[in-house]
Amino acid sequence: MPIYEYECGLCNFKFERKQGFDDEALAICPKCQGEVQRVFHPTPVIFKGSGFYITDNRKDSTSEKAEGGTPAEGGMPAEDKQKKGK
């Protein structure tokens, strides 16, 4: 069962009550018998995973190495280039 926070409009008394989803909201302050309102808080949003930052959309340089190099390199691995150059 969720816990709801209430605040009294007359005495500014804040209190919490554990209530079910289908239960009616409280209307009377237990301290001064004034009218209470349910207090709502913003829910934090946490973005997890890739795709949320500008750097996540760029091509990863490790995927080029796994494919055997870029087209400018002719698809030749770095080790073969060093052997040819010697």
Protein backbone atom coordinates (compact mmCIF):
# COMPACT_ATOMS: atom_id res chain seq x y z
CA MET A 1 0.00 0.00 0.00
CA PRO A 2 1.33 3.47 -0.86
CA ILE A 3 2.04 6.20 1.66
CA TYR A 4 0.42 9.57 0.93
CA GLU A 5 1.47 12.93 2.36
CA TYR A 6 -1.14 15.48 3.45
CA GLU A 7 -0.91 19.11 4.55
CA CYS A 8 -3.46 21.09 6.55
CA GLY A 9 -4.56 24.44 5.09
CA LEU A 10 -5.12 26.02 8.53
CA CYS A 11 -2.23 24.93 10.74
CA ASN A 12 0.23 23.76 7.99
CA PHE A 13 0.56 20.41 9.78
CA LYS A 14 2.09 17.76 7.49
CA PHE A 15 1.45 14.07 8.03
CA GLU A 16 1.55 10.78 6.14
CA ARG A 17 -1.02 7.99 5.88
CA LYS A 18 -0.73 4.52 4.41
CA GLN A 19 -3.77 4.02 2.22
CA GLY A 20 -4.88 1.69 -0.52
CA PHE A 21 -5.31 2.89 -4.10
CA ASP A 22 -9.11 2.73 -3.85
CA ASP A 23 -9.36 4.49 -0.47
CA GLU A 24 -10.80 8.01 -0.38
CA ALA A 25 -8.40 10.88 0.31
CA LEU A 26 -8.49 12.32 3.81
CA ALA A 27 -10.39 15.60 4.29
CA ILE A 28 -9.91 16.48 7.97
CA CYS A 29 -6.70 17.36 9.83
CA PRO A 30 -6.13 15.12 12.88
CA LYS A 31 -4.58 18.06 14.77
CA CYS A 32 -6.97 21.01 14.25
CA GLN A 33 -9.89 19.49 12.30
CA GLY A 34 -9.13 21.82 9.36
CA GLU A 35 -9.24 20.91 5.65
CA VAL A 36 -6.28 18.94 4.29
CA GLN A 37 -4.88 18.59 0.78
CA ARG A 38 -2.85 15.73 -0.60
CA VAL A 39 0.74 16.81 -1.41
CA PHE A 40 2.15 15.66 -4.75
CA HIS A 41 5.88 15.42 -5.40
CA PRO A 42 7.58 15.23 -8.81
CA THR A 43 8.94 11.84 -9.71
CA PRO A 44 12.61 11.76 -10.68
CA VAL A 45 13.36 10.43 -14.15
CA ILE A 46 16.53 8.42 -14.67
CA PHE A 47 17.64 7.64 -18.21
CA LYS A 48 19.63 4.42 -18.41
CA GLY A 49 21.18 2.81 -21.44
CA SER A 50 22.57 4.17 -24.66
CA GLY A 51 20.95 6.69 -26.94
CA PHE A 52 20.37 9.54 -24.51
CA TYR A 53 23.50 11.58 -25.20
CA ILE A 54 24.86 13.16 -28.39
CA THR A 55 28.00 11.02 -28.16
CA ASP A 56 25.94 7.80 -28.22
CA ASN A 57 24.86 8.37 -31.83
CA ARG A 58 28.35 8.53 -33.29
CA LYS A 59 29.93 5.49 -34.92
CA ASP A 60 32.21 3.59 -32.60
CA SER A 61 35.84 3.35 -33.75
CA THR A 62 36.13 -0.21 -32.37
CA SER A 63 33.50 -1.43 -34.86
CA GLU A 64 35.72 -0.24 -37.74
CA LYS A 65 38.63 -2.30 -36.41
CA ALA A 66 36.41 -5.37 -36.12
CA GLU A 67 35.42 -4.97 -39.79
CA GLY A 68 39.04 -4.94 -40.93
CA GLY A 69 39.65 -1.21 -41.23
CA THR A 70 38.12 1.71 -43.04
CA PRO A 71 37.81 1.90 -46.85
CA ALA A 72 40.64 4.47 -46.95
CA GLU A 73 42.96 1.87 -45.38
CA GLY A 74 41.92 -0.70 -47.96
CA GLY A 75 40.57 -3.07 -45.35
CA MET A 76 44.09 -4.21 -44.49
CA PRO A 77 44.82 -4.87 -40.80
CA ALA A 78 47.53 -2.73 -39.17
CA GLU A 79 49.90 -5.71 -38.75
CA ASP A 80 49.94 -6.45 -42.50
CA LYS A 81 50.63 -2.79 -43.30
CA GLN A 82 53.65 -2.78 -41.00
CA LYS A 83 55.01 -5.95 -42.66
CA LYS A 84 54.57 -4.44 -46.16
CA GLY A 85 56.29 -1.21 -45.11
CA LYS A 86 59.44 -3.03 -43.87
